[in-house]
Amino acid sequence: MTKSEKVNFVIETLQNLYPEIPVPLDHKDPYTLLIAVLLSAQCTDVRVNKVTPFLFQKADNPFDMVKMTQEQIKEIIRPCGLSPMKSKGIYGLSKILIEKYNGEVPKSFEGLEELPAVGHKTASVVMSQAFGVPAFPVDTHIHRLMYRWNLTNGKNVNQTEKDAKRLFPRELWNDLHLQIIWYGRDYSPARGWNLENDIITKTIGRKTVLKEYYKTKKTP
């Protein structure tokens, strides 16, 4: 298979498996999505979705958020981990949104990445899922799968993002990044991986990855 045939195989397989793509983080608008994505750093989406209802019940907009103290925010989001840093970020960015953007989330990468605790990946998720702007946020699932599929050298997430954007059509980026996340969870996880269920890696996987997999599966 040529590189472009592999890319087409990935696209077709993912579209067949995930014709409709749910967004993993529960939210109702750009602000609640931004907070949920910030909370998801080094935390599972499942856990974030359990915590955000309690947070958003008290404050689902920046004006209500700054009425709380950082300590109060920290107590609510503690199960998500990194709560001192995340609570400081949530309070700080809410203050900036009020002062600089009338409480609205900016619709630009630059505006988002200037906010406290908001990096490129978080900005990319918000631009993609809240505003429909083509972006390719790379999380651990996408990083792992792009390497397994031999579509990137996997040196770092920045390189993986560049390779994904180069290989996949721009108009599919927003769907694909979510489809790959779901595929990684359902068929190609880091732990408990069964290659028999993983049609994409089985078909186009990096030879060294496949060799290593079969080696570990051999009975002594």
N, C-alpha and C. Protein backbone atom coordinates (compact mmCIF):
# COMPACT_ATOMS: atom_id res chain seq x y z
N MET A 1 0.84 -1.21 0.00
CA MET A 1 0.00 0.00 0.00
C MET A 1 0.87 1.25 0.00
N THR A 2 0.53 2.21 -0.85
CA THR A 2 1.25 3.49 -0.83
C THR A 2 0.77 4.30 0.38
N LYS A 3 1.50 5.37 0.69
CA LYS A 3 1.13 6.23 1.83
C LYS A 3 -0.29 6.78 1.63
N SER A 4 -0.62 7.23 0.41
CA SER A 4 -1.96 7.81 0.19
C SER A 4 -3.04 6.73 0.27
N GLU A 5 -2.73 5.50 -0.12
CA GLU A 5 -3.70 4.41 0.01
C GLU A 5 -3.94 4.09 1.48
N LYS A 6 -2.87 4.14 2.26
CA LYS A 6 -3.00 3.91 3.71
C LYS A 6 -3.89 4.98 4.34
N VAL A 7 -3.63 6.23 3.96
CA VAL A 7 -4.43 7.36 4.49
C VAL A 7 -5.90 7.17 4.14
N ASN A 8 -6.17 6.79 2.88
CA ASN A 8 -7.56 6.58 2.45
C ASN A 8 -8.20 5.41 3.20
N PHE A 9 -7.41 4.38 3.46
CA PHE A 9 -7.92 3.23 4.21
C PHE A 9 -8.32 3.65 5.63
N VAL A 10 -7.48 4.47 6.26
CA VAL A 10 -7.78 4.98 7.60
C VAL A 10 -9.08 5.78 7.58
N ILE A 11 -9.17 6.71 6.63
CA ILE A 11 -10.36 7.58 6.54
C ILE A 11 -11.63 6.74 6.35
N GLU A 12 -11.59 5.81 5.39
CA GLU A 12 -12.78 5.00 5.09
C GLU A 12 -13.18 4.11 6.27
N THR A 13 -12.19 3.50 6.91
CA THR A 13 -12.48 2.63 8.06
C THR A 13 -13.12 3.42 9.19
N LEU A 14 -12.55 4.60 9.48
CA LEU A 14 -13.08 5.42 10.58
C LEU A 14 -14.47 5.96 10.26
N GLN A 15 -14.71 6.31 9.00
CA GLN A 15 -16.03 6.83 8.64
C GLN A 15 -17.10 5.73 8.72
N ASN A 16 -16.68 4.49 8.40
CA ASN A 16 -17.63 3.37 8.52
C ASN A 16 -17.94 3.05 9.98
N LEU A 17 -16.91 3.12 10.82
CA LEU A 17 -17.09 2.80 12.24
C LEU A 17 -17.80 3.91 13.01
N TYR A 18 -17.48 5.17 12.65
CA TYR A 18 -18.01 6.32 13.40
C TYR A 18 -18.65 7.33 12.45
N PRO A 19 -19.79 6.97 11.84
CA PRO A 19 -20.46 7.93 10.94
C PRO A 19 -20.97 9.15 11.71
N GLU A 20 -21.38 8.90 12.97
CA GLU A 20 -21.75 10.02 13.84
C GLU A 20 -20.77 10.03 15.00
N ILE A 21 -20.26 11.23 15.30
CA ILE A 21 -19.14 11.30 16.23
C ILE A 21 -19.51 12.11 17.47
N PRO A 22 -19.69 11.43 18.61
CA PRO A 22 -19.98 12.19 19.82
C PRO A 22 -18.73 12.91 20.34
N VAL A 23 -18.93 14.10 20.90
CA VAL A 23 -17.82 14.83 21.52
C VAL A 23 -17.61 14.25 22.92
N PRO A 24 -16.38 13.82 23.26
CA PRO A 24 -16.17 13.10 24.52
C PRO A 24 -16.47 13.91 25.78
N LEU A 25 -16.27 15.23 25.73
CA LEU A 25 -16.47 16.05 26.93
C LEU A 25 -17.83 16.73 26.91
N ASP A 26 -18.60 16.55 27.98
CA ASP A 26 -19.92 17.18 28.07
C ASP A 26 -19.77 18.69 28.23
N HIS A 27 -20.52 19.46 27.44
CA HIS A 27 -20.47 20.92 27.53
C HIS A 27 -21.71 21.47 26.82
N LYS A 28 -21.97 22.76 27.02
CA LYS A 28 -23.14 23.35 26.35
C LYS A 28 -22.79 24.57 25.52
N ASP A 29 -21.57 25.08 25.70
CA ASP A 29 -21.14 26.26 24.95
C ASP A 29 -19.61 26.35 24.97
N PRO A 30 -19.03 27.33 24.25
CA PRO A 30 -17.55 27.40 24.20
C PRO A 30 -16.89 27.52 25.57
N TYR A 31 -17.51 28.25 26.50
CA TYR A 31 -16.90 28.44 27.81
C TYR A 31 -16.84 27.12 28.59
N THR A 32 -17.95 26.40 28.65
CA THR A 32 -17.96 25.14 29.40
C THR A 32 -17.06 24.11 28.72
N LEU A 33 -16.94 24.16 27.39
CA LEU A 33 -16.00 23.26 26.70
C LEU A 33 -14.57 23.61 27.07
N LEU A 34 -14.25 24.90 27.06
CA LEU A 34 -12.90 25.35 27.42
C LEU A 34 -12.51 24.85 28.82
N ILE A 35 -13.42 24.99 29.78
CA ILE A 35 -13.13 24.55 31.15
C ILE A 35 -12.97 23.03 31.21
N ALA A 36 -13.84 22.32 30.50
CA ALA A 36 -13.78 20.85 30.50
C ALA A 36 -12.46 20.36 29.89
N VAL A 37 -12.04 20.99 28.81
CA VAL A 37 -10.78 20.58 28.16
C VAL A 37 -9.60 20.87 29.09
N LEU A 38 -9.62 22.02 29.73
CA LEU A 38 -8.56 22.37 30.68
C LEU A 38 -8.48 21.32 31.80
N LEU A 39 -9.64 20.89 32.28
CA LEU A 39 -9.68 19.90 33.37
C LEU A 39 -9.20 18.52 32.91
N SER A 40 -9.29 18.25 31.59
CA SER A 40 -8.97 16.91 31.09
C SER A 40 -7.47 16.63 31.00
N ALA A 41 -6.64 17.65 31.25
CA ALA A 41 -5.19 17.42 31.23
C ALA A 41 -4.81 16.39 32.29
N GLN A 42 -4.17 15.32 31.84
CA GLN A 42 -3.75 14.21 32.73
C GLN A 42 -4.91 13.66 33.55
N CYS A 43 -6.09 13.65 32.94
CA CYS A 43 -7.29 13.13 33.61
C CYS A 43 -8.20 12.54 32.53
N THR A 44 -8.95 11.50 32.86
CA THR A 44 -9.83 10.90 31.85
C THR A 44 -11.06 11.78 31.61
N ASP A 45 -11.59 11.70 30.39
CA ASP A 45 -12.81 12.43 30.05
C ASP A 45 -13.98 11.97 30.92
N VAL A 46 -14.01 10.67 31.24
CA VAL A 46 -15.09 10.12 32.07
C VAL A 46 -15.12 10.83 33.43
N ARG A 47 -13.93 10.99 34.02
CA ARG A 47 -13.86 11.65 35.33
C ARG A 47 -14.24 13.12 35.22
N VAL A 48 -13.76 13.78 34.17
CA VAL A 48 -14.11 15.20 33.96
C VAL A 48 -15.63 15.35 33.88
N ASN A 49 -16.28 14.45 33.12
CA ASN A 49 -17.73 14.52 32.96
C ASN A 49 -18.49 14.27 34.26
N LYS A 50 -17.84 13.63 35.23
CA LYS A 50 -18.47 13.44 36.54
C LYS A 50 -18.33 14.68 37.42
N VAL A 51 -17.24 15.43 37.18
CA VAL A 51 -16.94 16.60 38.03
C VAL A 51 -17.62 17.88 37.52
N THR A 52 -17.66 18.05 36.20
CA THR A 52 -18.16 19.33 35.65
C THR A 52 -19.61 19.66 36.03
N PRO A 53 -20.52 18.68 36.16
CA PRO A 53 -21.88 19.08 36.57
C PRO A 53 -21.90 19.83 37.90
N PHE A 54 -21.05 19.43 38.85
CA PHE A 54 -20.99 20.12 40.15
C PHE A 54 -20.42 21.53 40.00
N LEU A 55 -19.39 21.64 39.14
CA LEU A 55 -18.78 22.95 38.92
C LEU A 55 -19.73 23.88 38.17
N PHE A 56 -20.33 23.36 37.09
CA PHE A 56 -21.18 24.21 36.25
C PHE A 56 -22.52 24.55 36.92
N GLN A 57 -22.90 23.76 37.90
CA GLN A 57 -24.10 24.08 38.68
C GLN A 57 -23.89 25.39 39.44
N LYS A 58 -22.65 25.57 39.90
CA LYS A 58 -22.31 26.79 40.63
C LYS A 58 -21.91 27.92 39.68
N ALA A 59 -21.21 27.55 38.60
CA ALA A 59 -20.71 28.58 37.68
C ALA A 59 -20.49 27.99 36.30
N ASP A 60 -21.39 28.34 35.37
CA ASP A 60 -21.21 27.87 33.99
C ASP A 60 -20.88 29.03 33.05
N ASN A 61 -20.41 30.14 33.64
CA ASN A 61 -19.99 31.31 32.87
C ASN A 61 -18.91 32.04 33.67
N PRO A 62 -18.09 32.85 33.01
CA PRO A 62 -16.98 33.50 33.72
C PRO A 62 -17.43 34.44 34.85
N PHE A 63 -18.59 35.09 34.68
CA PHE A 63 -19.06 36.04 35.69
C PHE A 63 -19.35 35.34 37.02
N ASP A 64 -19.97 34.16 36.94
CA ASP A 64 -20.24 33.41 38.17
C ASP A 64 -18.96 32.75 38.70
N MET A 65 -18.08 32.37 37.78
CA MET A 65 -16.85 31.67 38.19
C MET A 65 -15.99 32.57 39.08
N VAL A 66 -15.89 33.86 38.73
CA VAL A 66 -15.02 34.74 39.52
C VAL A 66 -15.66 35.14 40.86
N LYS A 67 -16.93 34.80 41.03
CA LYS A 67 -17.57 35.03 42.34
C LYS A 67 -17.09 34.00 43.36
N MET A 68 -16.57 32.88 42.85
CA MET A 68 -16.00 31.86 43.73
C MET A 68 -14.53 32.18 43.97
N THR A 69 -13.99 31.62 45.03
CA THR A 69 -12.54 31.77 45.26
C THR A 69 -11.83 30.62 44.55
N GLN A 70 -10.52 30.80 44.35
CA GLN A 70 -9.72 29.72 43.76
C GLN A 70 -9.81 28.47 44.63
N GLU A 71 -9.86 28.69 45.94
CA GLU A 71 -9.92 27.56 46.88
C GLU A 71 -11.22 26.76 46.70
N GLN A 72 -12.32 27.49 46.49
CA GLN A 72 -13.61 26.82 46.29
C GLN A 72 -13.61 26.02 44.98
N ILE A 73 -13.04 26.62 43.94
CA ILE A 73 -12.93 25.93 42.64
C ILE A 73 -12.06 24.68 42.81
N LYS A 74 -10.96 24.85 43.51
CA LYS A 74 -10.00 23.75 43.71
C LYS A 74 -10.66 22.55 44.39
N GLU A 75 -11.51 22.83 45.39
CA GLU A 75 -12.17 21.74 46.12
C GLU A 75 -13.09 20.93 45.20
N ILE A 76 -13.81 21.63 44.32
CA ILE A 76 -14.75 20.94 43.41
C ILE A 76 -14.00 20.10 42.38
N ILE A 77 -12.90 20.64 41.85
CA ILE A 77 -12.22 19.95 40.74
C ILE A 77 -11.11 19.01 41.21
N ARG A 78 -10.93 18.88 42.52
CA ARG A 78 -9.85 18.05 43.07
C ARG A 78 -9.76 16.65 42.42
N PRO A 79 -10.90 15.95 42.17
CA PRO A 79 -10.80 14.59 41.59
C PRO A 79 -10.11 14.56 40.22
N CYS A 80 -10.03 15.72 39.55
CA CYS A 80 -9.41 15.75 38.21
C CYS A 80 -7.88 15.83 38.27
N GLY A 81 -7.34 16.03 39.47
CA GLY A 81 -5.88 16.12 39.60
C GLY A 81 -5.37 17.50 39.20
N LEU A 82 -4.14 17.80 39.63
CA LEU A 82 -3.50 19.11 39.34
C LEU A 82 -4.40 20.27 39.71
N SER A 83 -5.21 20.09 40.78
CA SER A 83 -6.24 21.10 41.10
C SER A 83 -5.69 22.48 41.46
N PRO A 84 -4.51 22.61 42.11
CA PRO A 84 -4.01 23.96 42.39
C PRO A 84 -3.76 24.76 41.11
N MET A 85 -3.11 24.10 40.14
CA MET A 85 -2.79 24.78 38.87
C MET A 85 -4.06 25.04 38.05
N LYS A 86 -4.93 24.03 37.99
CA LYS A 86 -6.14 24.15 37.17
C LYS A 86 -7.11 25.19 37.74
N SER A 87 -7.24 25.24 39.08
CA SER A 87 -8.16 26.22 39.68
C SER A 87 -7.65 27.64 39.44
N LYS A 88 -6.32 27.79 39.53
CA LYS A 88 -5.72 29.11 39.26
C LYS A 88 -5.98 29.51 37.81
N GLY A 89 -5.83 28.54 36.89
CA GLY A 89 -6.07 28.81 35.48
C GLY A 89 -7.51 29.17 35.19
N ILE A 90 -8.44 28.40 35.77
CA ILE A 90 -9.87 28.65 35.55
C ILE A 90 -10.28 30.02 36.06
N TYR A 91 -9.82 30.36 37.26
CA TYR A 91 -10.15 31.67 37.82
C TYR A 91 -9.52 32.78 36.98
N GLY A 92 -8.25 32.60 36.64
CA GLY A 92 -7.51 33.62 35.89
C GLY A 92 -8.08 33.86 34.50
N LEU A 93 -8.38 32.78 33.78
CA LEU A 93 -8.90 32.97 32.42
C LEU A 93 -10.31 33.55 32.44
N SER A 94 -11.10 33.20 33.47
CA SER A 94 -12.46 33.75 33.58
C SER A 94 -12.40 35.26 33.77
N LYS A 95 -11.42 35.70 34.58
CA LYS A 95 -11.23 37.14 34.84
C LYS A 95 -10.86 37.88 33.53
N ILE A 96 -9.94 37.26 32.77
CA ILE A 96 -9.50 37.86 31.51
C ILE A 96 -10.65 37.90 30.49
N LEU A 97 -11.44 36.83 30.44
CA LEU A 97 -12.58 36.81 29.50
C LEU A 97 -13.55 37.95 29.79
N ILE A 98 -13.75 38.25 31.07
CA ILE A 98 -14.65 39.35 31.45
C ILE A 98 -14.03 40.69 31.07
N GLU A 99 -12.76 40.88 31.45
CA GLU A 99 -12.09 42.18 31.26
C GLU A 99 -11.80 42.48 29.79
N LYS A 100 -11.44 41.44 29.03
CA LYS A 100 -10.96 41.67 27.66
C LYS A 100 -11.97 41.31 26.57
N TYR A 101 -12.87 40.35 26.89
CA TYR A 101 -13.75 39.82 25.83
C TYR A 101 -15.24 39.86 26.21
N ASN A 102 -15.62 40.69 27.17
CA ASN A 102 -17.02 40.78 27.61
C ASN A 102 -17.61 39.43 28.00
N GLY A 103 -16.76 38.56 28.53
CA GLY A 103 -17.24 37.26 28.98
C GLY A 103 -17.33 36.20 27.90
N GLU A 104 -16.97 36.58 26.67
CA GLU A 104 -17.02 35.61 25.55
C GLU A 104 -15.67 34.92 25.37
N VAL A 105 -15.69 33.69 24.87
CA VAL A 105 -14.45 32.98 24.56
C VAL A 105 -13.95 33.45 23.20
N PRO A 106 -12.67 33.88 23.10
CA PRO A 106 -12.17 34.37 21.81
C PRO A 106 -12.15 33.27 20.75
N LYS A 107 -12.44 33.68 19.49
CA LYS A 107 -12.50 32.69 18.41
C LYS A 107 -11.19 32.67 17.61
N SER A 108 -10.07 32.72 18.31
CA SER A 108 -8.78 32.65 17.61
C SER A 108 -7.79 31.85 18.44
N PHE A 109 -6.86 31.19 17.75
CA PHE A 109 -5.82 30.43 18.44
C PHE A 109 -5.00 31.37 19.33
N GLU A 110 -4.68 32.55 18.79
CA GLU A 110 -3.85 33.50 19.54
C GLU A 110 -4.54 33.94 20.83
N GLY A 111 -5.82 34.30 20.70
CA GLY A 111 -6.58 34.76 21.87
C GLY A 111 -6.69 33.67 22.93
N LEU A 112 -6.94 32.44 22.48
CA LEU A 112 -7.08 31.32 23.42
C LEU A 112 -5.75 30.98 24.09
N GLU A 113 -4.68 30.94 23.29
CA GLU A 113 -3.39 30.52 23.83
C GLU A 113 -2.77 31.57 24.77
N GLU A 114 -3.32 32.77 24.75
CA GLU A 114 -2.85 33.80 25.70
C GLU A 114 -3.48 33.63 27.09
N LEU A 115 -4.54 32.81 27.16
CA LEU A 115 -5.24 32.63 28.44
C LEU A 115 -4.43 31.71 29.35
N PRO A 116 -4.49 31.94 30.67
CA PRO A 116 -3.76 31.08 31.62
C PRO A 116 -4.18 29.62 31.49
N ALA A 117 -3.21 28.72 31.56
CA ALA A 117 -3.42 27.26 31.56
C ALA A 117 -4.00 26.72 30.25
N VAL A 118 -4.00 27.56 29.20
CA VAL A 118 -4.50 27.11 27.90
C VAL A 118 -3.33 26.97 26.93
N GLY A 119 -3.03 25.74 26.57
CA GLY A 119 -1.96 25.48 25.61
C GLY A 119 -2.52 25.28 24.22
N HIS A 120 -1.65 24.89 23.30
CA HIS A 120 -2.05 24.74 21.90
C HIS A 120 -3.11 23.65 21.72
N LYS A 121 -2.95 22.55 22.45
CA LYS A 121 -3.91 21.45 22.29
C LYS A 121 -5.31 21.87 22.74
N THR A 122 -5.38 22.52 23.91
CA THR A 122 -6.68 22.98 24.44
C THR A 122 -7.31 23.97 23.46
N ALA A 123 -6.49 24.91 22.97
CA ALA A 123 -6.99 25.90 22.00
C ALA A 123 -7.52 25.20 20.75
N SER A 124 -6.80 24.18 20.30
CA SER A 124 -7.20 23.45 19.08
C SER A 124 -8.53 22.74 19.27
N VAL A 125 -8.74 22.14 20.44
CA VAL A 125 -10.01 21.45 20.72
C VAL A 125 -11.16 22.46 20.69
N VAL A 126 -10.97 23.60 21.33
CA VAL A 126 -12.03 24.61 21.38
C VAL A 126 -12.31 25.18 19.99
N MET A 127 -11.26 25.50 19.25
CA MET A 127 -11.45 26.04 17.89
C MET A 127 -12.20 25.03 17.01
N SER A 128 -11.84 23.77 17.17
CA SER A 128 -12.44 22.71 16.36
C SER A 128 -13.87 22.41 16.77
N GLN A 129 -14.07 22.13 18.05
CA GLN A 129 -15.37 21.62 18.50
C GLN A 129 -16.38 22.70 18.82
N ALA A 130 -15.90 23.88 19.24
CA ALA A 130 -16.85 24.96 19.58
C ALA A 130 -17.11 25.87 18.38
N PHE A 131 -16.08 26.09 17.55
CA PHE A 131 -16.22 27.08 16.48
C PHE A 131 -16.12 26.49 15.07
N GLY A 132 -15.86 25.17 14.98
CA GLY A 132 -15.82 24.52 13.66
C GLY A 132 -14.65 24.91 12.79
N VAL A 133 -13.60 25.48 13.39
CA VAL A 133 -12.40 25.86 12.63
C VAL A 133 -11.51 24.61 12.51
N PRO A 134 -11.04 24.28 11.31
CA PRO A 134 -10.20 23.09 11.15
C PRO A 134 -8.97 23.11 12.07
N ALA A 135 -8.83 22.06 12.87
CA ALA A 135 -7.69 21.92 13.77
C ALA A 135 -7.47 20.43 13.97
N PHE A 136 -6.29 20.07 14.45
CA PHE A 136 -6.01 18.65 14.68
C PHE A 136 -5.33 18.49 16.03
N PRO A 137 -6.11 18.62 17.12
CA PRO A 137 -5.52 18.47 18.46
C PRO A 137 -4.99 17.05 18.63
N VAL A 138 -3.76 16.92 19.07
CA VAL A 138 -3.17 15.58 19.23
C VAL A 138 -3.11 15.22 20.71
N ASP A 139 -3.88 14.18 21.08
CA ASP A 139 -3.80 13.67 22.45
C ASP A 139 -3.00 12.37 22.44
N THR A 140 -2.95 11.69 23.58
CA THR A 140 -2.12 10.48 23.67
C THR A 140 -2.62 9.38 22.73
N HIS A 141 -3.95 9.28 22.55
CA HIS A 141 -4.49 8.26 21.64
C HIS A 141 -4.02 8.51 20.21
N ILE A 142 -4.17 9.75 19.75
CA ILE A 142 -3.79 10.08 18.37
C ILE A 142 -2.28 9.90 18.18
N HIS A 143 -1.51 10.34 19.15
CA HIS A 143 -0.05 10.21 19.09
C HIS A 143 0.34 8.73 18.97
N ARG A 144 -0.28 7.88 19.78
CA ARG A 144 0.02 6.45 19.78
C ARG A 144 -0.38 5.80 18.45
N LEU A 145 -1.59 6.12 17.97
CA LEU A 145 -2.09 5.48 16.75
C LEU A 145 -1.34 5.92 15.49
N MET A 146 -1.04 7.20 15.41
CA MET A 146 -0.30 7.69 14.23
C MET A 146 1.07 7.00 14.14
N TYR A 147 1.66 6.70 15.30
CA TYR A 147 2.93 5.98 15.32
C TYR A 147 2.71 4.51 14.94
N ARG A 148 1.70 3.89 15.53
CA ARG A 148 1.40 2.49 15.21
C ARG A 148 1.10 2.30 13.72
N TRP A 149 0.46 3.31 13.13
CA TRP A 149 0.09 3.21 11.72
C TRP A 149 1.22 3.65 10.78
N ASN A 150 2.36 3.99 11.36
CA ASN A 150 3.53 4.41 10.59
C ASN A 150 3.25 5.68 9.77
N LEU A 151 2.43 6.57 10.32
CA LEU A 151 2.12 7.83 9.65
C LEU A 151 2.88 9.00 10.28
N THR A 152 3.66 8.71 11.31
CA THR A 152 4.55 9.71 11.91
C THR A 152 5.67 8.96 12.61
N ASN A 153 6.79 9.66 12.85
CA ASN A 153 7.89 9.00 13.57
C ASN A 153 7.65 9.00 15.08
N GLY A 154 6.61 9.74 15.53
CA GLY A 154 6.21 9.70 16.93
C GLY A 154 7.17 10.35 17.90
N LYS A 155 8.06 11.23 17.38
CA LYS A 155 9.04 11.85 18.29
C LYS A 155 8.37 12.73 19.34
N ASN A 156 7.38 13.50 18.94
CA ASN A 156 6.64 14.34 19.90
C ASN A 156 5.28 14.71 19.30
N VAL A 157 4.40 15.25 20.14
CA VAL A 157 3.03 15.54 19.67
C VAL A 157 3.02 16.64 18.61
N ASN A 158 3.98 17.56 18.67
CA ASN A 158 4.03 18.63 17.66
C ASN A 158 4.29 18.05 16.28
N GLN A 159 5.23 17.11 16.20
CA GLN A 159 5.54 16.47 14.93
C GLN A 159 4.35 15.65 14.44
N THR A 160 3.70 14.96 15.38
CA THR A 160 2.53 14.15 15.01
C THR A 160 1.42 15.03 14.44
N GLU A 161 1.22 16.20 15.05
CA GLU A 161 0.19 17.14 14.55
C GLU A 161 0.53 17.61 13.14
N LYS A 162 1.80 17.96 12.92
CA LYS A 162 2.23 18.40 11.58
C LYS A 162 1.99 17.31 10.54
N ASP A 163 2.36 16.07 10.90
CA ASP A 163 2.19 14.96 9.97
C ASP A 163 0.72 14.69 9.68
N ALA A 164 -0.12 14.75 10.72
CA ALA A 164 -1.57 14.52 10.54
C ALA A 164 -2.15 15.58 9.60
N LYS A 165 -1.75 16.83 9.80
CA LYS A 165 -2.27 17.93 8.97
C LYS A 165 -1.78 17.82 7.52
N ARG A 166 -0.58 17.28 7.38
CA ARG A 166 -0.01 17.13 6.03
C ARG A 166 -0.68 15.98 5.28
N LEU A 167 -1.01 14.91 5.99
CA LEU A 167 -1.52 13.70 5.35
C LEU A 167 -3.03 13.71 5.11
N PHE A 168 -3.78 14.27 6.05
CA PHE A 168 -5.25 14.20 5.96
C PHE A 168 -5.82 15.49 5.38
N PRO A 169 -6.91 15.39 4.59
CA PRO A 169 -7.54 16.59 4.02
C PRO A 169 -8.05 17.52 5.12
N ARG A 170 -7.81 18.80 4.94
CA ARG A 170 -8.16 19.81 5.94
C ARG A 170 -9.65 19.74 6.34
N GLU A 171 -10.50 19.49 5.35
CA GLU A 171 -11.95 19.50 5.66
C GLU A 171 -12.37 18.31 6.53
N LEU A 172 -11.48 17.33 6.70
CA LEU A 172 -11.81 16.17 7.53
C LEU A 172 -11.15 16.22 8.92
N TRP A 173 -10.29 17.20 9.15
CA TRP A 173 -9.53 17.25 10.41
C TRP A 173 -10.42 17.15 11.64
N ASN A 174 -11.48 17.96 11.69
CA ASN A 174 -12.30 18.03 12.90
C ASN A 174 -12.99 16.69 13.21
N ASP A 175 -13.45 16.02 12.16
CA ASP A 175 -14.05 14.69 12.36
C ASP A 175 -12.98 13.66 12.70
N LEU A 176 -11.90 13.67 11.94
CA LEU A 176 -10.88 12.64 12.09
C LEU A 176 -10.24 12.61 13.47
N HIS A 177 -9.95 13.78 14.02
CA HIS A 177 -9.26 13.74 15.32
C HIS A 177 -10.15 13.09 16.38
N LEU A 178 -11.46 13.31 16.28
CA LEU A 178 -12.38 12.65 17.22
C LEU A 178 -12.53 11.16 16.91
N GLN A 179 -12.63 10.84 15.61
CA GLN A 179 -12.76 9.43 15.22
C GLN A 179 -11.55 8.61 15.67
N ILE A 180 -10.35 9.20 15.54
CA ILE A 180 -9.14 8.49 15.95
C ILE A 180 -9.12 8.29 17.47
N ILE A 181 -9.58 9.30 18.22
CA ILE A 181 -9.65 9.17 19.68
C ILE A 181 -10.56 8.00 20.07
N TRP A 182 -11.75 7.94 19.46
CA TRP A 182 -12.69 6.85 19.77
C TRP A 182 -12.11 5.51 19.33
N TYR A 183 -11.47 5.48 18.17
CA TYR A 183 -10.90 4.23 17.68
C TYR A 183 -9.81 3.73 18.64
N GLY A 184 -8.98 4.66 19.11
CA GLY A 184 -7.92 4.30 20.05
C GLY A 184 -8.48 3.68 21.32
N ARG A 185 -9.57 4.26 21.81
CA ARG A 185 -10.18 3.74 23.03
C ARG A 185 -10.83 2.37 22.80
N ASP A 186 -11.51 2.25 21.66
CA ASP A 186 -12.31 1.04 21.41
C ASP A 186 -11.50 -0.14 20.87
N TYR A 187 -10.51 0.15 20.02
CA TYR A 187 -9.83 -0.94 19.30
C TYR A 187 -8.31 -0.98 19.46
N SER A 188 -7.71 0.14 19.86
CA SER A 188 -6.24 0.17 19.87
C SER A 188 -5.71 0.87 21.12
N PRO A 189 -6.09 0.36 22.30
CA PRO A 189 -5.66 1.01 23.54
C PRO A 189 -4.19 0.76 23.85
N ALA A 190 -3.66 1.53 24.78
CA ALA A 190 -2.26 1.34 25.19
C ALA A 190 -2.12 0.03 25.97
N ARG A 191 -3.11 -0.26 26.83
CA ARG A 191 -3.07 -1.50 27.63
C ARG A 191 -4.19 -2.43 27.20
N GLY A 192 -3.93 -3.74 27.30
CA GLY A 192 -4.96 -4.71 26.94
C GLY A 192 -5.29 -4.69 25.46
N TRP A 193 -4.27 -4.42 24.65
CA TRP A 193 -4.46 -4.27 23.20
C TRP A 193 -4.58 -5.64 22.55
N ASN A 194 -5.64 -5.83 21.78
CA ASN A 194 -5.82 -7.07 21.01
C ASN A 194 -5.78 -6.72 19.53
N LEU A 195 -4.69 -7.08 18.89
CA LEU A 195 -4.48 -6.70 17.48
C LEU A 195 -5.57 -7.27 16.57
N GLU A 196 -6.13 -8.42 16.96
CA GLU A 196 -7.18 -9.03 16.13
C GLU A 196 -8.38 -8.10 15.95
N ASN A 197 -8.63 -7.27 16.96
CA ASN A 197 -9.75 -6.32 16.88
C ASN A 197 -9.37 -5.01 16.18
N ASP A 198 -8.08 -4.82 15.99
CA ASP A 198 -7.56 -3.53 15.51
C ASP A 198 -7.25 -3.62 14.01
N ILE A 199 -8.29 -3.50 13.20
CA ILE A 199 -8.19 -3.71 11.75
C ILE A 199 -7.19 -2.75 11.08
N ILE A 200 -7.14 -1.51 11.57
CA ILE A 200 -6.25 -0.54 10.91
C ILE A 200 -4.79 -0.90 11.15
N THR A 201 -4.42 -1.10 12.42
CA THR A 201 -3.01 -1.43 12.71
C THR A 201 -2.64 -2.77 12.08
N LYS A 202 -3.56 -3.72 12.11
CA LYS A 202 -3.31 -5.04 11.53
C LYS A 202 -3.02 -4.93 10.02
N THR A 203 -3.69 -3.98 9.38
CA THR A 203 -3.56 -3.83 7.92
C THR A 203 -2.37 -2.97 7.52
N ILE A 204 -2.15 -1.85 8.22
CA ILE A 204 -1.10 -0.91 7.76
C ILE A 204 -0.06 -0.62 8.82
N GLY A 205 -0.08 -1.38 9.93
CA GLY A 205 0.77 -1.06 11.07
C GLY A 205 2.27 -1.08 10.77
N ARG A 206 2.99 -0.30 11.55
CA ARG A 206 4.46 -0.26 11.48
C ARG A 206 5.01 -1.67 11.77
N LYS A 207 5.91 -2.13 10.94
CA LYS A 207 6.42 -3.51 11.06
C LYS A 207 7.03 -3.80 12.44
N THR A 208 7.78 -2.84 12.97
CA THR A 208 8.42 -3.06 14.28
C THR A 208 7.39 -3.20 15.39
N VAL A 209 6.28 -2.43 15.28
CA VAL A 209 5.20 -2.50 16.28
C VAL A 209 4.52 -3.87 16.22
N LEU A 210 4.24 -4.33 15.00
CA LEU A 210 3.59 -5.63 14.83
C LEU A 210 4.49 -6.76 15.33
N LYS A 211 5.78 -6.65 14.98
CA LYS A 211 6.75 -7.67 15.39
C LYS A 211 6.82 -7.76 16.92
N GLU A 212 6.87 -6.59 17.55
CA GLU A 212 6.94 -6.51 19.01
C GLU A 212 5.68 -7.11 19.64
N TYR A 213 4.54 -6.81 19.03
CA TYR A 213 3.27 -7.32 19.54
C TYR A 213 3.26 -8.85 19.51
N TYR A 214 3.64 -9.42 18.37
CA TYR A 214 3.60 -10.88 18.24
C TYR A 214 4.63 -11.55 19.15
N LYS A 215 5.74 -10.85 19.36
CA LYS A 215 6.78 -11.38 20.24
C LYS A 215 6.25 -11.51 21.67
N THR A 216 5.54 -10.48 22.13
CA THR A 216 5.02 -10.51 23.51
C THR A 216 3.88 -11.52 23.66
N LYS A 217 3.22 -11.84 22.53
CA LYS A 217 2.08 -12.76 22.59
C LYS A 217 2.52 -14.22 22.55
N LYS A 218 3.77 -14.47 22.15
CA LYS A 218 4.26 -15.84 22.06
C LYS A 218 4.36 -16.45 23.46
N THR A 219 3.88 -17.66 23.59
CA THR A 219 4.01 -18.32 24.88
C THR A 219 5.43 -18.82 25.04
N PRO A 220 6.00 -18.70 26.24
CA PRO A 220 7.40 -19.10 26.45
C PRO A 220 7.57 -20.61 26.22
